[in-house]
């Protein structure tokens, strides 16, 4: 994940975030700049855009490590891996 730099961060109040979350997140991703969220004038959160970040790669690496650890103990069924990590589990048959 890229380093977080607050030099060009946008300041967003809790009220603005509550009223316009979708628009704010879209704008942050498009500009690739973070936002700090304030409540009563104090910083309470940071929103970091993930555009361009390697989130999928990190998730898949963690999944591979977990599967490898399980495989060392026992054979791992791919259906079980998909179920455990919520990867598009589909029932076979009528449903």
N, C-alpha and C. Protein backbone atom coordinates (compact mmCIF):
# COMPACT_ATOMS: atom_id res chain seq x y z
N UNK A 1 0.85 -1.18 0.00
CA UNK A 1 0.00 0.00 0.00
C UNK A 1 0.89 1.23 0.00
N UNK A 2 0.49 2.25 -0.73
CA UNK A 2 1.30 3.46 -0.78
C UNK A 2 1.41 4.13 0.59
N UNK A 3 2.49 4.91 0.78
CA UNK A 3 2.63 5.67 2.02
C UNK A 3 1.50 6.68 2.13
N UNK A 4 1.09 6.93 3.35
CA UNK A 4 0.04 7.92 3.59
C UNK A 4 0.71 9.26 3.81
N UNK A 5 0.34 10.22 2.97
CA UNK A 5 0.86 11.58 3.09
C UNK A 5 -0.32 12.50 3.32
N UNK A 6 -0.29 13.23 4.40
CA UNK A 6 -1.40 14.12 4.73
C UNK A 6 -1.16 15.55 4.27
N UNK A 7 -0.07 15.79 3.53
CA UNK A 7 0.24 17.13 3.07
C UNK A 7 -0.84 17.72 2.17
N UNK A 8 -1.51 16.87 1.41
CA UNK A 8 -2.56 17.36 0.51
C UNK A 8 -3.92 16.78 0.89
N UNK A 9 -4.07 16.38 2.15
CA UNK A 9 -5.30 15.75 2.60
C UNK A 9 -6.46 16.73 2.62
N UNK A 10 -7.61 16.20 2.28
CA UNK A 10 -8.85 16.97 2.36
C UNK A 10 -9.41 16.81 3.78
N UNK A 11 -10.01 17.83 4.32
CA UNK A 11 -10.65 17.75 5.63
C UNK A 11 -12.15 17.62 5.40
N UNK A 12 -12.74 16.59 6.01
CA UNK A 12 -14.16 16.30 5.87
C UNK A 12 -14.77 16.19 7.25
N UNK A 13 -15.87 16.87 7.48
CA UNK A 13 -16.53 16.75 8.78
C UNK A 13 -17.40 15.49 8.80
N UNK A 14 -17.70 15.02 9.98
CA UNK A 14 -18.58 13.85 10.12
C UNK A 14 -19.92 14.11 9.42
N UNK A 15 -20.43 15.31 9.55
CA UNK A 15 -21.71 15.64 8.92
C UNK A 15 -21.61 15.54 7.40
N UNK A 16 -20.54 16.10 6.83
CA UNK A 16 -20.35 15.99 5.38
C UNK A 16 -20.26 14.53 4.95
N UNK A 17 -19.51 13.73 5.72
CA UNK A 17 -19.35 12.32 5.39
C UNK A 17 -20.68 11.59 5.47
N UNK A 18 -21.47 11.88 6.49
CA UNK A 18 -22.78 11.23 6.65
C UNK A 18 -23.71 11.59 5.50
N UNK A 19 -23.65 12.83 5.05
CA UNK A 19 -24.56 13.30 4.01
C UNK A 19 -24.10 12.96 2.59
N UNK A 20 -22.80 12.79 2.39
CA UNK A 20 -22.27 12.64 1.02
C UNK A 20 -21.17 11.60 0.92
N UNK A 21 -21.27 10.51 1.65
CA UNK A 21 -20.18 9.52 1.69
C UNK A 21 -19.80 9.01 0.31
N UNK A 22 -20.78 8.64 -0.49
CA UNK A 22 -20.48 8.08 -1.81
C UNK A 22 -19.72 9.08 -2.67
N UNK A 23 -20.18 10.31 -2.69
CA UNK A 23 -19.53 11.35 -3.50
C UNK A 23 -18.11 11.62 -2.99
N UNK A 24 -17.95 11.69 -1.68
CA UNK A 24 -16.64 11.97 -1.10
C UNK A 24 -15.65 10.86 -1.43
N UNK A 25 -16.07 9.62 -1.27
CA UNK A 25 -15.18 8.50 -1.57
C UNK A 25 -14.81 8.49 -3.05
N UNK A 26 -15.78 8.75 -3.91
CA UNK A 26 -15.50 8.80 -5.35
C UNK A 26 -14.46 9.88 -5.65
N UNK A 27 -14.64 11.07 -5.08
CA UNK A 27 -13.70 12.17 -5.31
C UNK A 27 -12.31 11.86 -4.79
N UNK A 28 -12.23 11.20 -3.63
CA UNK A 28 -10.93 10.85 -3.07
C UNK A 28 -10.22 9.84 -3.96
N UNK A 29 -10.95 8.85 -4.45
CA UNK A 29 -10.34 7.86 -5.34
C UNK A 29 -9.89 8.49 -6.65
N UNK A 30 -10.69 9.40 -7.18
CA UNK A 30 -10.33 10.06 -8.45
C UNK A 30 -9.10 10.95 -8.29
N UNK A 31 -9.01 11.64 -7.16
CA UNK A 31 -7.88 12.55 -6.93
C UNK A 31 -6.68 11.83 -6.30
N UNK A 32 -6.91 10.61 -5.81
CA UNK A 32 -5.90 9.80 -5.13
C UNK A 32 -5.26 10.57 -3.97
N UNK A 33 -6.11 11.31 -3.25
CA UNK A 33 -5.63 12.00 -2.06
C UNK A 33 -6.48 11.59 -0.86
N UNK A 34 -5.88 11.53 0.32
CA UNK A 34 -6.61 11.10 1.50
C UNK A 34 -7.47 12.22 2.07
N UNK A 35 -8.29 11.86 3.03
CA UNK A 35 -9.08 12.84 3.77
C UNK A 35 -9.00 12.51 5.25
N UNK A 36 -8.96 13.54 6.04
CA UNK A 36 -9.08 13.35 7.48
C UNK A 36 -10.50 13.76 7.85
N UNK A 37 -11.09 12.98 8.73
CA UNK A 37 -12.46 13.22 9.16
C UNK A 37 -12.41 13.87 10.53
N UNK A 38 -13.18 14.94 10.68
CA UNK A 38 -13.22 15.64 11.97
C UNK A 38 -14.60 15.52 12.61
N UNK A 39 -14.58 15.52 13.92
CA UNK A 39 -15.82 15.56 14.70
C UNK A 39 -15.59 16.60 15.80
N UNK A 40 -16.41 17.62 15.78
CA UNK A 40 -16.25 18.74 16.72
C UNK A 40 -14.85 19.32 16.66
N UNK A 41 -14.30 19.39 15.43
CA UNK A 41 -13.00 20.01 15.22
C UNK A 41 -11.79 19.15 15.52
N UNK A 42 -12.00 17.90 15.93
CA UNK A 42 -10.88 17.01 16.24
C UNK A 42 -10.80 15.91 15.21
N UNK A 43 -9.58 15.53 14.83
CA UNK A 43 -9.39 14.44 13.88
C UNK A 43 -9.81 13.12 14.51
N UNK A 44 -10.69 12.38 13.80
CA UNK A 44 -11.17 11.11 14.35
C UNK A 44 -10.93 9.93 13.41
N UNK A 45 -10.65 10.21 12.13
CA UNK A 45 -10.44 9.11 11.20
C UNK A 45 -9.68 9.59 9.98
N UNK A 46 -9.17 8.63 9.25
CA UNK A 46 -8.47 8.90 8.01
C UNK A 46 -9.09 8.02 6.93
N UNK A 47 -9.38 8.60 5.79
CA UNK A 47 -9.86 7.83 4.64
C UNK A 47 -8.75 7.86 3.61
N UNK A 48 -8.21 6.70 3.29
CA UNK A 48 -7.11 6.58 2.34
C UNK A 48 -7.63 5.91 1.08
N UNK A 49 -7.57 6.57 -0.08
CA UNK A 49 -8.02 5.93 -1.31
C UNK A 49 -7.19 4.70 -1.63
N UNK A 50 -7.83 3.69 -2.17
CA UNK A 50 -7.14 2.47 -2.54
C UNK A 50 -6.90 2.36 -4.03
N UNK A 51 -7.27 3.37 -4.78
CA UNK A 51 -7.03 3.36 -6.22
C UNK A 51 -5.54 3.15 -6.46
N UNK A 52 -5.22 2.14 -7.24
CA UNK A 52 -3.83 1.86 -7.55
C UNK A 52 -3.11 1.02 -6.51
N UNK A 53 -3.72 0.80 -5.37
CA UNK A 53 -3.09 -0.02 -4.33
C UNK A 53 -3.19 -1.49 -4.72
N UNK A 54 -2.34 -2.26 -4.15
CA UNK A 54 -2.29 -3.69 -4.46
C UNK A 54 -3.11 -4.49 -3.44
N UNK A 55 -4.34 -4.05 -3.17
CA UNK A 55 -5.18 -4.69 -2.16
C UNK A 55 -5.45 -6.14 -2.51
N UNK A 56 -5.80 -6.40 -3.78
CA UNK A 56 -6.09 -7.76 -4.20
C UNK A 56 -4.87 -8.66 -4.03
N UNK A 57 -3.70 -8.16 -4.41
CA UNK A 57 -2.48 -8.95 -4.29
C UNK A 57 -2.18 -9.29 -2.84
N UNK A 58 -2.37 -8.31 -1.96
CA UNK A 58 -2.13 -8.54 -0.53
C UNK A 58 -3.11 -9.59 0.00
N UNK A 59 -4.37 -9.47 -0.37
CA UNK A 59 -5.39 -10.42 0.08
C UNK A 59 -5.10 -11.82 -0.42
N UNK A 60 -4.73 -11.94 -1.68
CA UNK A 60 -4.43 -13.25 -2.25
C UNK A 60 -3.18 -13.86 -1.62
N UNK A 61 -2.20 -13.03 -1.30
CA UNK A 61 -1.00 -13.53 -0.63
C UNK A 61 -1.35 -14.08 0.74
N UNK A 62 -2.17 -13.35 1.50
CA UNK A 62 -2.60 -13.82 2.81
C UNK A 62 -3.40 -15.11 2.70
N UNK A 63 -4.26 -15.20 1.68
CA UNK A 63 -5.03 -16.41 1.45
C UNK A 63 -4.11 -17.58 1.14
N UNK A 64 -3.11 -17.36 0.28
CA UNK A 64 -2.19 -18.43 -0.09
C UNK A 64 -1.41 -18.93 1.11
N UNK A 65 -0.97 -18.02 1.97
CA UNK A 65 -0.24 -18.41 3.17
C UNK A 65 -1.12 -19.26 4.07
N UNK A 66 -2.37 -18.84 4.27
CA UNK A 66 -3.30 -19.57 5.11
C UNK A 66 -3.57 -20.97 4.55
N UNK A 67 -3.77 -21.05 3.26
CA UNK A 67 -4.03 -22.34 2.62
C UNK A 67 -2.80 -23.23 2.74
N UNK A 68 -1.63 -22.67 2.55
CA UNK A 68 -0.40 -23.46 2.65
C UNK A 68 -0.22 -24.01 4.06
N UNK A 69 -0.55 -23.20 5.06
CA UNK A 69 -0.45 -23.68 6.45
C UNK A 69 -1.42 -24.82 6.68
N UNK A 70 -2.65 -24.71 6.16
CA UNK A 70 -3.63 -25.78 6.30
C UNK A 70 -3.19 -27.02 5.54
N UNK A 71 -2.61 -26.82 4.37
CA UNK A 71 -2.18 -27.95 3.54
C UNK A 71 -1.07 -28.73 4.23
N UNK A 72 -0.25 -28.05 5.00
CA UNK A 72 0.81 -28.73 5.72
C UNK A 72 0.23 -29.68 6.76
N UNK A 73 -0.95 -29.35 7.29
CA UNK A 73 -1.59 -30.20 8.29
C UNK A 73 -2.42 -31.30 7.64
N UNK A 74 -3.14 -30.96 6.60
CA UNK A 74 -4.06 -31.87 5.94
C UNK A 74 -4.24 -31.45 4.49
N UNK A 75 -4.87 -32.33 3.73
CA UNK A 75 -5.26 -31.95 2.37
C UNK A 75 -6.38 -30.91 2.49
N UNK A 76 -6.34 -29.91 1.64
CA UNK A 76 -7.33 -28.85 1.70
C UNK A 76 -8.21 -28.93 0.48
N UNK A 77 -9.50 -28.98 0.70
CA UNK A 77 -10.49 -29.01 -0.36
C UNK A 77 -10.71 -27.59 -0.86
N UNK A 78 -10.66 -27.38 -2.18
CA UNK A 78 -10.81 -26.03 -2.71
C UNK A 78 -12.17 -25.43 -2.37
N UNK A 79 -13.20 -26.27 -2.26
CA UNK A 79 -14.52 -25.77 -1.88
C UNK A 79 -14.49 -25.21 -0.46
N UNK A 80 -13.76 -25.87 0.41
CA UNK A 80 -13.62 -25.40 1.79
C UNK A 80 -12.87 -24.06 1.84
N UNK A 81 -11.84 -23.92 1.03
CA UNK A 81 -11.10 -22.66 0.98
C UNK A 81 -12.01 -21.55 0.50
N UNK A 82 -12.76 -21.81 -0.55
CA UNK A 82 -13.66 -20.79 -1.09
C UNK A 82 -14.71 -20.41 -0.05
N UNK A 83 -15.24 -21.40 0.68
CA UNK A 83 -16.25 -21.12 1.70
C UNK A 83 -15.64 -20.30 2.82
N UNK A 84 -14.47 -20.69 3.28
CA UNK A 84 -13.83 -20.04 4.41
C UNK A 84 -13.52 -18.57 4.13
N UNK A 85 -13.16 -18.28 2.91
CA UNK A 85 -12.78 -16.91 2.57
C UNK A 85 -13.84 -16.17 1.77
N UNK A 86 -15.04 -16.75 1.66
CA UNK A 86 -16.14 -16.09 1.00
C UNK A 86 -15.91 -15.83 -0.49
N UNK A 87 -15.29 -16.77 -1.16
CA UNK A 87 -14.95 -16.59 -2.57
C UNK A 87 -15.98 -17.25 -3.48
N UNK A 88 -17.13 -16.61 -3.67
CA UNK A 88 -18.15 -17.05 -4.62
C UNK A 88 -18.51 -18.53 -4.49
N UNK A 89 -18.93 -18.91 -3.32
CA UNK A 89 -19.34 -20.29 -3.09
C UNK A 89 -20.68 -20.51 -3.78
N UNK A 90 -20.75 -21.53 -4.59
CA UNK A 90 -22.00 -21.85 -5.28
C UNK A 90 -22.38 -23.28 -4.97
N UNK A 91 -23.68 -23.47 -4.77
CA UNK A 91 -24.17 -24.83 -4.55
C UNK A 91 -24.29 -25.52 -5.89
N UNK A 92 -23.93 -26.78 -5.93
CA UNK A 92 -24.11 -27.55 -7.15
C UNK A 92 -25.48 -28.19 -7.10
N UNK A 93 -26.04 -28.39 -8.25
CA UNK A 93 -27.34 -29.05 -8.30
C UNK A 93 -28.46 -28.07 -8.53
N UNK A 94 -29.63 -28.35 -7.94
CA UNK A 94 -30.85 -27.62 -8.23
C UNK A 94 -30.89 -26.18 -7.72
N UNK A 95 -30.15 -25.83 -6.67
CA UNK A 95 -30.28 -24.49 -6.11
C UNK A 95 -29.12 -23.66 -6.49
